[in-house]
Amino acid sequence: PTSDAHQSEYVPEFALRRSFISGFTGSAGTAVITKDKALLWTDGRYFLQAGEQLSDEWTLMKDRLPETPSIQQWILNEFPADKTEKTIRVGIDPSLHSISQCKDSENLWKKNLSKKTNKPFIEFAEIKENLVDKIWTNQPLPPKSKAFVLDEKYTGVSVVQKLKELKETVAKQADAIVISALDEVVWLLNIRGSDIEFNPVVIGYVIVDANNDNTTFFVDESKLDEKLQKHLEKANVKTSSYESFFDTLSKRTDRVWLDDSTTSRATESCVAEERRYIAPSPIQLSKAIKNEAELNGARACHIRDAVAVCQFLQWLEATPTDKLPTEIGASDWLDKARSKQNDFVSLSFDTISGANAHGAIIHYKASADSDAPLTDGMYLCDSGGQYLDGTTDITRTVHLGKPSDHERRCYTRVLQGHVDLGLATFPKGISGGQLDIVARLPLFADGLDYRHGTGHGVGAFLNVHEGPHGISSRPYSLKTSLQPGMIVTNEPGYYEDGAFGIRIENCMVVVEKQTKHNFGGLPYYGFEHITLVPYAKNLTDLSMLTKEQIAFVNEYHAECRAKVGPL
């Protein structure tokens, strides 16, 4: 899989095993290798990229399409029950697969019995030494970057208070909790780092005892300076080596809370089955619902970020066609402009800078080989920054010449979906999964759609992709309702292979709204746009917009001018 021992979406260089073995560098995908076959499953964001990067030895499996079986089902199809006499063992590194991933596979396989023995015939074989590591001769070493304390003026809540609230929740169900997800680790301890590019996290585990003062941070202690050590001591947090985590957990004899989506099979194996309490980490929701200090920081950093993006778009607009930069030249200019803003730390992900047909590759990354010049055509730029007071993520699509009627109509349909979602009002209890259709309906009217979610959560100087909420047609986004204080993106799009891509993305805060009525006594919610960069005027067909949509765009542009213009 793509993940590391903490089930991270983005991983440190030494954990890029799937990229090494397959050549595919996207952030999502799983490789399956048999004696005579090599297959890679990835989602719609990466179909074009994977098709270009995989060699002829590989088969691309377009995940989530009706005709594509899941990995588990493919294995069943490959080894039919009526033709298989021996047990089929599927090798995995148990540290790289979550509890839920393993359980889902095993539950399916248990339903399919051998015709010979009338018993399940497919099982996991846990391999302790990763097979890719054995052949990766120049594998990078684990990162050694220093961690640092994030001031309480940014976090809004002390470590002591976070631990107190966490222990109160955990004590109702278990004696201790394992924190494995890296963004949860650093959020809980009010620290940040740079162990994973673009993600200000520190590789480590935390075990919090619910009924006493014991909290242990398992980490490479060389990363902790004196200031950080004192910061942890003040909150009564002890440190231990990263390598001691599994041994320490194995010696416990009490009930332990494990999150099945972020905890590995290897970690689960350290706790006897009767002592496991399996449930989502309570930190997920606490982290997702930003406090006032985090929200103020998010609003402030988005204004500064908008200055850089507006400068960038103005520079492109003023540059003659024959002097336009290449895709890399454009992203470098934007990265430099962003780095000049106060409290800038790093980018929040690799800038997606796609001219014309490259814009149709949803997560395109320009390289020396692919770097195309910008022309008097379509250009999509998806970028973001990490600031001490927040994380940004913005996409704008522009046309640097005279767009065709087709391009304008497609862009306007995307804009309508973006605006309609941003204007949505909904009662408490509604999830992002229930709102996803709002952004797609204008595209559906022209028979258009896009193969990615409409929105994801965003951290507070943390990961640019944050759960547990989201706006998507995928089942996960139905599980968590949208609540005030959550930050979520609004990014519908349309991608025409070989021609152009369109995406419009803002970050929004879920806020309470005043409505004429409150059916059922429920509060009603809506969105506050905190991204403040104008839309593309020459791509917008005003005749297609409703009065309400035009009013929103005008009010939004007035806000951009009022808040960003003076800077």
Protein backbone atom coordinates (compact mmCIF):
# COMPACT_ATOMS: atom_id res chain seq x y z
CA PRO A 1 0.00 0.00 0.00
CA THR A 2 0.92 3.68 -0.02
CA SER A 3 0.85 4.03 3.76
CA ASP A 4 3.46 3.94 6.51
CA ALA A 5 3.22 2.39 9.99
CA HIS A 6 0.84 5.20 11.01
CA GLN A 7 -1.54 4.81 8.05
CA SER A 8 -0.53 8.23 6.74
CA GLU A 9 -1.83 9.46 3.39
CA TYR A 10 1.50 11.13 2.63
CA VAL A 11 4.58 9.27 3.86
CA PRO A 12 8.28 9.94 4.49
CA GLU A 13 10.67 9.08 1.68
CA PHE A 14 11.86 5.82 3.21
CA ALA A 15 8.24 4.54 3.20
CA LEU A 16 7.57 5.19 -0.51
CA ARG A 17 7.70 1.47 -1.17
CA ARG A 18 4.81 1.28 -3.63
CA SER A 19 6.35 4.08 -5.69
CA PHE A 20 9.70 2.28 -5.73
CA ILE A 21 8.31 -1.06 -6.85
CA SER A 22 5.79 0.24 -9.42
CA GLY A 23 7.07 3.62 -10.63
CA PHE A 24 3.67 5.19 -9.87
CA THR A 25 4.11 8.26 -7.63
CA GLY A 26 0.49 9.21 -6.84
CA SER A 27 -0.57 9.55 -3.21
CA ALA A 28 -3.12 6.70 -3.34
CA GLY A 29 -2.77 3.20 -4.67
CA THR A 30 -2.06 -0.42 -3.78
CA ALA A 31 0.12 -2.87 -5.66
CA VAL A 32 -0.65 -6.59 -5.83
CA ILE A 33 2.07 -8.91 -7.11
CA THR A 34 1.79 -12.63 -7.82
CA LYS A 35 4.27 -15.01 -9.42
CA ASP A 36 3.29 -13.90 -12.90
CA LYS A 37 1.23 -10.70 -12.53
CA ALA A 38 1.63 -7.15 -11.24
CA LEU A 39 -1.43 -4.97 -10.74
CA LEU A 40 -2.02 -1.52 -9.30
CA TRP A 41 -5.32 -0.21 -7.95
CA THR A 42 -5.82 3.56 -7.78
CA ASP A 43 -8.76 5.96 -7.88
CA GLY A 44 -10.04 8.36 -10.54
CA ARG A 45 -7.71 11.20 -9.55
CA TYR A 46 -4.80 9.16 -10.86
CA PHE A 47 -6.05 7.14 -13.84
CA LEU A 48 -4.17 9.27 -16.38
CA GLN A 49 -1.03 9.60 -14.27
CA ALA A 50 -0.84 5.89 -13.52
CA GLY A 51 -1.41 5.07 -17.17
CA GLU A 52 1.61 7.17 -18.07
CA GLN A 53 3.92 6.01 -15.26
CA LEU A 54 3.29 2.26 -15.15
CA SER A 55 5.38 0.07 -17.42
CA ASP A 56 3.89 -2.60 -19.68
CA GLU A 57 4.56 -5.18 -16.95
CA TRP A 58 1.80 -3.62 -14.85
CA THR A 59 -1.98 -3.75 -15.17
CA LEU A 60 -3.84 -0.62 -14.10
CA MET A 61 -6.98 -1.41 -12.09
CA LYS A 62 -9.30 1.60 -12.12
CA ASP A 63 -10.67 1.45 -8.62
CA ARG A 64 -14.33 2.22 -7.87
CA LEU A 65 -15.47 1.76 -11.45
CA PRO A 66 -18.31 -0.78 -11.75
CA GLU A 67 -16.27 -3.14 -13.90
CA THR A 68 -13.23 -3.15 -11.56
CA PRO A 69 -13.24 -5.76 -8.78
CA SER A 70 -11.84 -4.85 -5.38
CA ILE A 71 -8.46 -6.31 -4.47
CA GLN A 72 -10.13 -8.86 -2.21
CA GLN A 73 -12.57 -9.91 -4.92
CA TRP A 74 -9.83 -10.09 -7.55
CA ILE A 75 -7.91 -12.53 -5.35
CA LEU A 76 -11.05 -14.65 -5.03
CA ASN A 77 -11.51 -14.57 -8.80
CA GLU A 78 -7.87 -15.45 -9.40
CA PHE A 79 -8.04 -18.48 -7.12
CA PRO A 80 -11.57 -19.96 -7.57
CA ALA A 81 -12.88 -22.02 -4.66
CA ASP A 82 -13.75 -24.98 -6.89
CA LYS A 83 -10.27 -25.17 -8.39
CA THR A 84 -8.04 -24.36 -5.41
CA GLU A 85 -6.95 -27.24 -3.20
CA LYS A 86 -4.36 -25.56 -0.98
CA THR A 87 -4.58 -22.51 1.28
CA ILE A 88 -3.82 -19.26 -0.54
CA ARG A 89 -1.60 -17.06 1.62
CA VAL A 90 -1.55 -13.32 0.87
CA GLY A 91 1.65 -11.75 2.16
CA ILE A 92 1.45 -8.38 3.91
CA ASP A 93 3.63 -6.21 6.10
CA PRO A 94 1.29 -5.95 9.13
CA SER A 95 2.64 -2.52 10.05
CA LEU A 96 1.38 -1.06 6.75
CA HIS A 97 -2.22 -2.32 6.85
CA SER A 98 -4.86 -0.97 9.21
CA ILE A 99 -7.07 -3.12 11.41
CA SER A 100 -10.13 -2.27 9.32
CA GLN A 101 -8.42 -3.05 6.01
CA CYS A 102 -7.44 -6.49 7.24
CA LYS A 103 -10.85 -7.21 8.78
CA ASP A 104 -12.70 -6.22 5.62
CA SER A 105 -10.61 -8.64 3.58
CA GLU A 106 -10.90 -11.47 6.07
CA ASN A 107 -14.67 -11.06 6.43
CA LEU A 108 -15.11 -11.41 2.67
CA TRP A 109 -12.80 -14.40 2.43
CA LYS A 110 -14.56 -16.16 5.32
CA LYS A 111 -17.80 -16.11 3.30
CA ASN A 112 -16.14 -18.02 0.47
CA LEU A 113 -15.36 -21.61 1.39
CA SER A 114 -13.20 -24.15 -0.39
CA LYS A 115 -15.22 -26.71 -2.33
CA LYS A 116 -12.75 -29.34 -1.11
CA THR A 117 -12.61 -28.59 2.63
CA ASN A 118 -15.69 -26.40 3.18
CA LYS A 119 -13.43 -23.94 5.04
CA PRO A 120 -12.01 -20.49 4.21
CA PHE A 121 -8.99 -20.97 1.98
CA ILE A 122 -7.49 -17.48 1.72
CA GLU A 123 -5.59 -15.95 4.64
CA PHE A 124 -2.99 -13.29 5.36
CA ALA A 125 0.63 -14.24 5.88
CA GLU A 126 2.24 -11.55 8.02
CA ILE A 127 5.79 -10.87 6.86
CA LYS A 128 7.90 -9.15 9.50
CA GLU A 129 10.72 -7.99 7.19
CA ASN A 130 9.23 -5.95 4.37
CA LEU A 131 10.12 -7.58 1.05
CA VAL A 132 10.51 -4.26 -0.77
CA ASP A 133 13.01 -3.10 1.85
CA LYS A 134 15.11 -6.19 1.13
CA ILE A 135 15.63 -5.17 -2.50
CA TRP A 136 15.63 -1.36 -2.10
CA THR A 137 19.37 -0.94 -1.86
CA ASN A 138 19.44 2.88 -1.70
CA GLN A 139 16.37 3.27 0.52
CA PRO A 140 16.44 6.64 2.32
CA LEU A 141 16.90 6.71 6.09
CA PRO A 142 14.10 7.77 8.46
CA PRO A 143 13.98 11.56 8.92
CA LYS A 144 15.90 13.24 11.75
CA SER A 145 14.40 16.73 11.57
CA LYS A 146 13.87 18.64 14.80
CA ALA A 147 10.40 19.02 16.29
CA PHE A 148 9.24 22.30 17.82
CA VAL A 149 6.60 23.68 20.18
CA LEU A 150 3.57 25.38 18.63
CA ASP A 151 2.64 28.34 20.82
CA GLU A 152 -0.70 28.30 22.60
CA LYS A 153 -1.69 31.52 20.85
CA TYR A 154 -2.03 29.34 17.74
CA THR A 155 -3.40 26.14 19.32
CA GLY A 156 -5.89 27.91 21.62
CA VAL A 157 -5.85 25.05 24.15
CA SER A 158 -3.05 23.71 26.38
CA VAL A 159 -1.74 20.14 26.32
CA VAL A 160 -2.92 19.70 29.90
CA GLN A 161 -6.49 20.59 28.94
CA LYS A 162 -6.44 18.37 25.84
CA LEU A 163 -5.20 15.41 27.89
CA LYS A 164 -7.81 16.04 30.59
CA GLU A 165 -10.67 15.98 28.07
CA LEU A 166 -9.25 12.95 26.26
CA LYS A 167 -8.83 10.95 29.47
CA GLU A 168 -12.40 11.69 30.52
CA THR A 169 -13.66 10.27 27.23
CA VAL A 170 -11.36 7.24 27.19
CA ALA A 171 -12.08 6.31 30.83
CA LYS A 172 -15.69 5.55 29.92
CA GLN A 173 -14.58 2.67 27.68
CA ALA A 174 -10.97 1.70 28.34
CA ASP A 175 -7.93 2.13 30.57
CA ALA A 176 -5.67 3.62 27.91
CA ILE A 177 -5.62 4.74 24.30
CA VAL A 178 -3.00 4.38 21.58
CA ILE A 179 -2.59 7.42 19.35
CA SER A 180 -1.04 6.29 16.08
CA ALA A 181 -2.09 8.90 13.46
CA LEU A 182 0.72 11.45 13.23
CA ASP A 183 -1.51 14.51 12.96
CA GLU A 184 -3.32 13.39 16.11
CA VAL A 185 0.01 12.92 17.92
CA VAL A 186 1.28 16.44 17.23
CA TRP A 187 -2.16 18.06 17.73
CA LEU A 188 -2.48 16.47 21.18
CA LEU A 189 1.04 17.54 22.25
CA ASN A 190 0.92 21.03 20.65
CA ILE A 191 4.09 20.37 18.68
CA ARG A 192 4.93 20.30 14.99
CA GLY A 193 7.77 18.96 12.85
CA SER A 194 8.80 18.23 9.28
CA ASP A 195 9.21 14.45 9.13
CA ILE A 196 6.91 14.24 6.09
CA GLU A 197 7.22 16.79 3.30
CA PHE A 198 4.40 19.37 3.38
CA ASN A 199 2.93 17.77 6.54
CA PRO A 200 4.19 19.35 9.79
CA VAL A 201 4.19 16.12 11.78
CA VAL A 202 6.62 14.12 13.92
CA ILE A 203 6.86 10.34 13.58
CA GLY A 204 5.83 8.79 16.88
CA TYR A 205 3.17 7.08 18.97
CA VAL A 206 1.47 8.21 22.16
CA ILE A 207 -0.08 6.02 24.85
CA VAL A 208 -2.37 7.90 27.23
CA ASP A 209 -3.49 6.24 30.46
CA ALA A 210 -7.03 7.28 31.32
CA ASN A 211 -6.93 6.69 35.08
CA ASN A 212 -3.53 8.08 36.08
CA ASP A 213 -0.99 10.69 35.01
CA ASN A 214 0.95 8.43 32.64
CA THR A 215 1.29 9.72 29.09
CA THR A 216 4.21 8.46 26.99
CA PHE A 217 5.47 9.85 23.69
CA PHE A 218 7.42 7.22 21.71
CA VAL A 219 9.75 9.14 19.41
CA ASP A 220 13.33 9.46 18.20
CA GLU A 221 14.40 11.55 21.21
CA SER A 222 17.21 13.23 19.25
CA LYS A 223 14.46 15.31 17.60
CA LEU A 224 13.50 16.96 20.89
CA ASP A 225 15.42 20.04 22.05
CA GLU A 226 15.48 21.34 25.61
CA LYS A 227 12.53 23.72 25.08
CA LEU A 228 10.35 20.92 23.75
CA GLN A 229 11.38 18.56 26.56
CA LYS A 230 10.36 21.17 29.15
CA HIS A 231 7.09 21.74 27.27
CA LEU A 232 6.28 18.02 27.55
CA GLU A 233 7.41 17.78 31.18
CA LYS A 234 5.09 20.67 32.07
CA ALA A 235 2.18 18.53 30.83
CA ASN A 236 3.58 15.43 32.59
CA VAL A 237 4.34 13.72 29.27
CA LYS A 238 7.23 11.26 29.38
CA THR A 239 9.29 10.23 26.37
CA SER A 240 10.63 6.86 25.29
CA SER A 241 12.38 5.60 22.19
CA TYR A 242 10.27 4.98 19.09
CA GLU A 243 11.47 1.38 18.95
CA SER A 244 10.23 0.66 22.50
CA PHE A 245 6.57 1.22 21.58
CA PHE A 246 5.61 -2.34 20.61
CA ASP A 247 7.34 -3.91 23.60
CA THR A 248 5.72 -1.43 26.01
CA LEU A 249 2.25 -2.00 24.53
CA SER A 250 2.69 -5.80 24.60
CA LYS A 251 3.36 -5.74 28.35
CA ARG A 252 0.07 -4.01 29.21
CA THR A 253 -2.64 -6.15 30.80
CA ASP A 254 -5.53 -3.68 30.76
CA ARG A 255 -8.16 -2.57 28.23
CA VAL A 256 -6.77 -0.49 25.35
CA TRP A 257 -8.64 1.77 22.90
CA LEU A 258 -7.53 1.31 19.28
CA ASP A 259 -8.77 3.21 16.23
CA ASP A 260 -9.21 0.59 13.51
CA SER A 261 -8.66 3.06 10.64
CA THR A 262 -5.34 4.49 11.86
CA THR A 263 -3.92 1.59 13.89
CA SER A 264 -1.92 -1.10 12.12
CA ARG A 265 -2.46 -4.85 12.33
CA ALA A 266 1.00 -5.03 13.93
CA THR A 267 -0.10 -2.70 16.75
CA GLU A 268 -3.37 -4.57 17.20
CA SER A 269 -1.44 -7.82 17.63
CA CYS A 270 0.23 -6.41 20.75
CA VAL A 271 -3.12 -6.31 22.57
CA ALA A 272 -5.05 -9.48 23.38
CA GLU A 273 -8.38 -9.60 21.57
CA GLU A 274 -10.44 -9.57 24.77
CA ARG A 275 -8.66 -6.38 25.90
CA ARG A 276 -9.21 -4.36 22.72
CA TYR A 277 -11.76 -1.57 22.50
CA ILE A 278 -12.11 -0.74 18.80
CA ALA A 279 -13.57 2.69 17.97
CA PRO A 280 -12.62 5.91 16.17
CA SER A 281 -10.13 8.03 18.06
CA PRO A 282 -11.94 10.84 19.90
CA ILE A 283 -9.12 13.15 18.80
CA GLN A 284 -10.39 12.99 15.20
CA LEU A 285 -13.45 15.08 15.96
CA SER A 286 -11.77 17.31 18.55
CA LYS A 287 -9.10 18.20 15.99
CA ALA A 288 -11.60 18.73 13.18
CA ILE A 289 -13.74 21.21 15.14
CA LYS A 290 -11.46 24.22 15.35
CA ASN A 291 -11.49 26.50 18.40
CA GLU A 292 -11.64 30.28 18.12
CA ALA A 293 -7.86 30.74 18.03
CA GLU A 294 -7.53 28.17 15.22
CA LEU A 295 -10.38 29.72 13.24
CA ASN A 296 -8.94 33.23 13.60
CA GLY A 297 -5.59 31.87 12.45
CA ALA A 298 -7.19 30.17 9.46
CA ARG A 299 -8.94 33.37 8.38
CA ALA A 300 -5.76 35.42 8.79
CA CYS A 301 -3.44 33.06 6.90
CA HIS A 302 -5.94 32.73 4.05
CA ILE A 303 -5.87 36.50 3.56
CA ARG A 304 -2.06 36.52 3.40
CA ASP A 305 -2.12 33.48 1.12
CA ALA A 306 -4.59 35.26 -1.16
CA VAL A 307 -2.11 38.11 -1.56
CA ALA A 308 0.42 35.69 -3.05
CA VAL A 309 -2.12 34.00 -5.34
CA CYS A 310 -3.56 37.32 -6.55
CA GLN A 311 -0.06 38.63 -7.30
CA PHE A 312 0.61 35.43 -9.22
CA LEU A 313 -2.56 35.60 -11.31
CA GLN A 314 -2.00 39.29 -12.04
CA TRP A 315 1.55 38.51 -13.17
CA LEU A 316 0.29 35.80 -15.54
CA GLU A 317 -2.40 38.08 -16.93
CA ALA A 318 0.11 40.87 -17.60
CA THR A 319 2.71 38.61 -19.25
CA PRO A 320 2.70 38.53 -23.09
CA THR A 321 1.90 35.13 -24.54
CA ASP A 322 5.37 34.65 -26.01
CA LYS A 323 6.94 35.33 -22.60
CA LEU A 324 4.71 33.08 -20.49
CA PRO A 325 6.59 30.66 -18.22
CA THR A 326 6.52 26.89 -18.28
CA GLU A 327 4.45 24.97 -15.74
CA ILE A 328 7.42 24.65 -13.39
CA GLY A 329 8.37 28.29 -13.92
CA ALA A 330 4.84 29.34 -12.98
CA SER A 331 4.71 27.19 -9.85
CA ASP A 332 8.18 28.39 -8.79
CA TRP A 333 6.99 32.02 -9.09
CA LEU A 334 3.94 31.28 -6.94
CA ASP A 335 5.94 29.32 -4.38
CA LYS A 336 8.34 32.25 -4.00
CA ALA A 337 5.48 34.74 -3.61
CA ARG A 338 3.88 32.56 -0.96
CA SER A 339 7.16 32.14 0.95
CA LYS A 340 7.36 35.92 1.44
CA GLN A 341 4.18 35.99 3.52
CA ASN A 342 4.42 36.31 7.30
CA ASP A 343 4.55 33.06 9.32
CA PHE A 344 5.05 30.95 6.17
CA VAL A 345 6.58 27.54 6.94
CA SER A 346 6.27 25.45 3.76
CA LEU A 347 3.91 24.47 0.98
CA SER A 348 1.01 22.26 2.06
CA PHE A 349 1.46 19.96 -0.96
CA ASP A 350 3.25 19.87 -4.31
CA THR A 351 1.79 22.65 -6.47
CA ILE A 352 -0.33 21.27 -9.31
CA SER A 353 0.50 23.47 -12.30
CA GLY A 354 -1.19 22.13 -15.42
CA ALA A 355 -1.42 23.86 -18.80
CA ASN A 356 -4.05 22.77 -21.32
CA ALA A 357 -4.20 18.94 -21.50
CA HIS A 358 -2.10 18.55 -18.35
CA GLY A 359 -4.91 20.23 -16.40
CA ALA A 360 -7.01 17.13 -17.09
CA ILE A 361 -4.59 15.02 -15.00
CA ILE A 362 -6.26 15.64 -11.64
CA HIS A 363 -3.12 15.42 -9.49
CA TYR A 364 -0.59 16.31 -12.18
CA LYS A 365 2.98 17.10 -11.14
CA ALA A 366 5.16 18.78 -13.74
CA SER A 367 8.59 17.22 -14.23
CA ALA A 368 11.61 18.08 -16.33
CA ASP A 369 10.28 15.70 -18.99
CA SER A 370 6.67 16.92 -18.98
CA ASP A 371 7.18 20.63 -18.24
CA ALA A 372 5.02 22.40 -20.84
CA PRO A 373 4.90 26.11 -21.64
CA LEU A 374 1.80 28.06 -20.69
CA THR A 375 -0.01 29.30 -23.78
CA ASP A 376 -3.02 31.43 -24.62
CA GLY A 377 -5.17 28.56 -23.36
CA MET A 378 -6.44 26.96 -20.16
CA TYR A 379 -4.29 26.77 -17.04
CA LEU A 380 -5.16 25.03 -13.76
CA CYS A 381 -3.21 25.76 -10.57
CA ASP A 382 -3.92 23.95 -7.28
CA SER A 383 -1.65 25.08 -4.45
CA GLY A 384 -1.45 25.78 -0.75
CA GLY A 385 0.74 26.82 2.14
CA GLN A 386 1.55 25.86 5.70
CA TYR A 387 1.62 28.84 8.07
CA LEU A 388 2.08 28.89 11.83
CA ASP A 389 -1.55 29.97 12.12
CA GLY A 390 -3.14 27.67 9.54
CA THR A 391 -3.17 25.62 6.34
CA THR A 392 -4.41 26.74 2.92
CA ASP A 393 -5.58 24.94 -0.20
CA ILE A 394 -6.84 26.80 -3.27
CA THR A 395 -7.44 26.01 -6.94
CA ARG A 396 -8.04 28.52 -9.68
CA THR A 397 -8.47 27.85 -13.39
CA VAL A 398 -7.82 30.66 -15.83
CA HIS A 399 -7.68 31.16 -19.59
CA LEU A 400 -4.72 33.21 -20.82
CA GLY A 401 -6.29 33.99 -24.18
CA LYS A 402 -9.78 33.94 -25.63
CA PRO A 403 -11.75 30.90 -24.41
CA SER A 404 -14.11 28.96 -26.65
CA ASP A 405 -17.84 28.82 -25.95
CA HIS A 406 -17.40 25.20 -24.86
CA GLU A 407 -14.66 26.08 -22.38
CA ARG A 408 -16.75 28.93 -20.96
CA ARG A 409 -19.81 26.74 -20.59
CA CYS A 410 -17.84 24.00 -18.82
CA TYR A 411 -16.19 26.51 -16.48
CA THR A 412 -19.51 28.17 -15.69
CA ARG A 413 -21.10 24.81 -14.85
CA VAL A 414 -18.26 24.15 -12.39
CA LEU A 415 -18.63 27.65 -10.95
CA GLN A 416 -22.36 27.14 -10.50
CA GLY A 417 -21.75 23.94 -8.55
CA HIS A 418 -19.12 25.67 -6.44
CA VAL A 419 -21.42 28.62 -5.70
CA ASP A 420 -24.49 26.50 -5.00
CA LEU A 421 -22.60 24.37 -2.49
CA GLY A 422 -21.19 27.47 -0.82
CA LEU A 423 -24.72 28.89 -0.49
CA ALA A 424 -26.20 25.72 1.00
CA THR A 425 -28.14 25.93 4.26
CA PHE A 426 -28.77 22.66 6.11
CA PRO A 427 -29.91 21.39 9.52
CA LYS A 428 -27.73 19.88 12.20
CA GLY A 429 -27.00 16.23 11.44
CA ILE A 430 -26.43 16.60 7.70
CA SER A 431 -23.17 15.09 6.45
CA GLY A 432 -20.96 16.17 3.59
CA GLY A 433 -21.99 13.03 1.76
CA GLN A 434 -25.54 14.34 1.63
CA LEU A 435 -24.38 17.68 0.17
CA ASP A 436 -22.04 16.30 -2.50
CA ILE A 437 -24.82 16.17 -5.10
CA VAL A 438 -25.42 19.94 -4.75
CA ALA A 439 -22.10 20.72 -6.46
CA ARG A 440 -22.68 18.15 -9.21
CA LEU A 441 -26.19 19.04 -10.28
CA PRO A 442 -25.20 21.95 -12.60
CA LEU A 443 -22.67 19.65 -14.30
CA PHE A 444 -25.21 16.85 -14.58
CA ALA A 445 -27.44 19.25 -16.52
CA ASP A 446 -24.86 19.12 -19.35
CA GLY A 447 -23.97 15.45 -18.88
CA LEU A 448 -20.71 16.29 -17.09
CA ASP A 449 -19.15 15.04 -13.84
CA TYR A 450 -15.79 14.55 -12.09
CA ARG A 451 -14.02 11.54 -10.57
CA HIS A 452 -13.06 12.91 -7.16
CA GLY A 453 -14.67 14.08 -3.97
CA THR A 454 -16.08 17.58 -3.74
CA GLY A 455 -14.37 18.49 -0.49
CA HIS A 456 -12.05 17.38 2.30
CA GLY A 457 -11.29 18.60 5.79
CA VAL A 458 -8.27 20.86 6.31
CA GLY A 459 -6.04 20.97 9.40
CA ALA A 460 -4.88 23.89 11.55
CA PHE A 461 -1.20 24.08 10.52
CA LEU A 462 -1.56 20.36 9.97
CA ASN A 463 -2.35 17.95 7.15
CA VAL A 464 -4.07 19.55 4.17
CA HIS A 465 -6.34 16.49 4.01
CA GLU A 466 -8.05 15.92 7.33
CA GLY A 467 -10.92 13.72 8.50
CA PRO A 468 -13.25 12.47 9.66
CA HIS A 469 -15.57 14.71 7.63
CA GLY A 470 -15.63 15.40 3.91
CA ILE A 471 -17.95 16.15 0.99
CA SER A 472 -17.99 13.13 -1.26
CA SER A 473 -20.14 10.39 -2.73
CA ARG A 474 -17.95 7.84 -0.95
CA PRO A 475 -19.50 6.14 2.12
CA TYR A 476 -17.00 7.60 4.63
CA SER A 477 -18.40 11.11 4.22
CA LEU A 478 -21.85 9.96 5.35
CA LYS A 479 -20.53 8.91 8.76
CA THR A 480 -19.71 12.34 10.21
CA SER A 481 -22.09 15.28 10.19
CA LEU A 482 -20.79 18.75 9.41
CA GLN A 483 -20.43 20.83 12.56
CA PRO A 484 -19.58 24.48 13.27
CA GLY A 485 -15.83 25.04 13.40
CA MET A 486 -14.97 22.42 10.79
CA ILE A 487 -12.98 23.57 7.76
CA VAL A 488 -13.81 21.86 4.47
CA THR A 489 -12.93 22.50 0.84
CA ASN A 490 -15.41 23.13 -1.97
CA GLU A 491 -13.79 21.95 -5.20
CA PRO A 492 -15.98 20.67 -8.04
CA GLY A 493 -14.31 20.26 -11.43
CA TYR A 494 -14.48 18.95 -14.95
CA TYR A 495 -11.66 17.23 -16.88
CA GLU A 496 -11.62 16.69 -20.62
CA ASP A 497 -8.87 14.20 -21.43
CA GLY A 498 -6.32 15.53 -23.88
CA ALA A 499 -7.77 19.06 -23.81
CA PHE A 500 -8.09 20.85 -20.46
CA GLY A 501 -9.04 20.58 -16.79
CA ILE A 502 -11.19 22.87 -14.66
CA ARG A 503 -11.32 23.01 -10.87
CA ILE A 504 -12.42 25.81 -8.55
CA GLU A 505 -11.54 25.35 -4.88
CA ASN A 506 -12.15 27.40 -1.75
CA CYS A 507 -11.72 26.52 1.91
CA MET A 508 -14.88 27.12 3.93
CA VAL A 509 -15.75 27.13 7.64
CA VAL A 510 -18.99 25.51 8.77
CA VAL A 511 -20.93 28.20 10.67
CA GLU A 512 -24.34 28.48 12.32
CA LYS A 513 -26.91 30.45 10.31
CA GLN A 514 -29.97 32.36 11.35
CA THR A 515 -33.03 31.02 9.54
CA LYS A 516 -36.65 32.17 9.63
CA HIS A 517 -37.68 28.85 11.17
CA ASN A 518 -35.92 26.02 13.01
CA PHE A 519 -37.81 22.87 12.07
CA GLY A 520 -37.60 20.26 14.81
CA GLY A 521 -35.85 22.74 17.06
CA LEU A 522 -32.60 22.13 15.20
CA PRO A 523 -29.94 24.74 14.49
CA TYR A 524 -29.16 25.33 10.82
CA TYR A 525 -25.69 25.61 9.34
CA GLY A 526 -23.99 27.02 6.27
CA PHE A 527 -20.54 28.01 5.06
CA GLU A 528 -18.18 30.97 5.37
CA HIS A 529 -15.67 31.18 2.52
CA ILE A 530 -12.21 31.98 3.91
CA THR A 531 -10.34 31.64 0.59
CA LEU A 532 -10.42 35.12 -0.99
CA VAL A 533 -9.25 35.06 -4.62
CA PRO A 534 -11.49 36.19 -7.55
CA TYR A 535 -12.89 33.76 -10.10
CA ALA A 536 -12.06 33.89 -13.82
CA LYS A 537 -14.20 36.60 -15.43
CA ASN A 538 -13.39 35.72 -19.05
CA LEU A 539 -14.44 32.10 -18.46
CA THR A 540 -17.79 32.96 -16.88
CA ASP A 541 -20.94 33.04 -18.99
CA LEU A 542 -23.13 35.42 -16.99
CA SER A 543 -26.21 34.44 -18.99
CA MET A 544 -26.08 30.99 -17.38
CA LEU A 545 -25.99 32.26 -13.78
CA THR A 546 -29.07 32.79 -11.64
CA LYS A 547 -29.65 36.08 -9.83
CA GLU A 548 -28.65 34.43 -6.56
CA GLN A 549 -25.41 33.08 -8.09
CA ILE A 550 -24.54 36.50 -9.57
CA ALA A 551 -25.22 38.16 -6.20
CA PHE A 552 -22.91 35.70 -4.46
CA VAL A 553 -20.06 36.25 -6.95
CA ASN A 554 -20.39 40.03 -6.68
CA GLU A 555 -20.43 39.94 -2.88
CA TYR A 556 -17.50 37.52 -2.83
CA HIS A 557 -15.42 39.71 -5.15
CA ALA A 558 -16.24 42.76 -3.01
CA GLU A 559 -14.98 40.88 0.04
CA CYS A 560 -11.80 39.88 -1.81
CA ARG A 561 -11.15 43.52 -2.70
CA ALA A 562 -11.91 44.77 0.83
CA LYS A 563 -9.76 42.24 2.69
CA VAL A 564 -6.97 41.45 0.23
CA GLY A 565 -6.81 44.61 -1.90
CA PRO A 566 -5.23 46.86 0.78
CA LEU A 567 -2.39 44.36 1.27
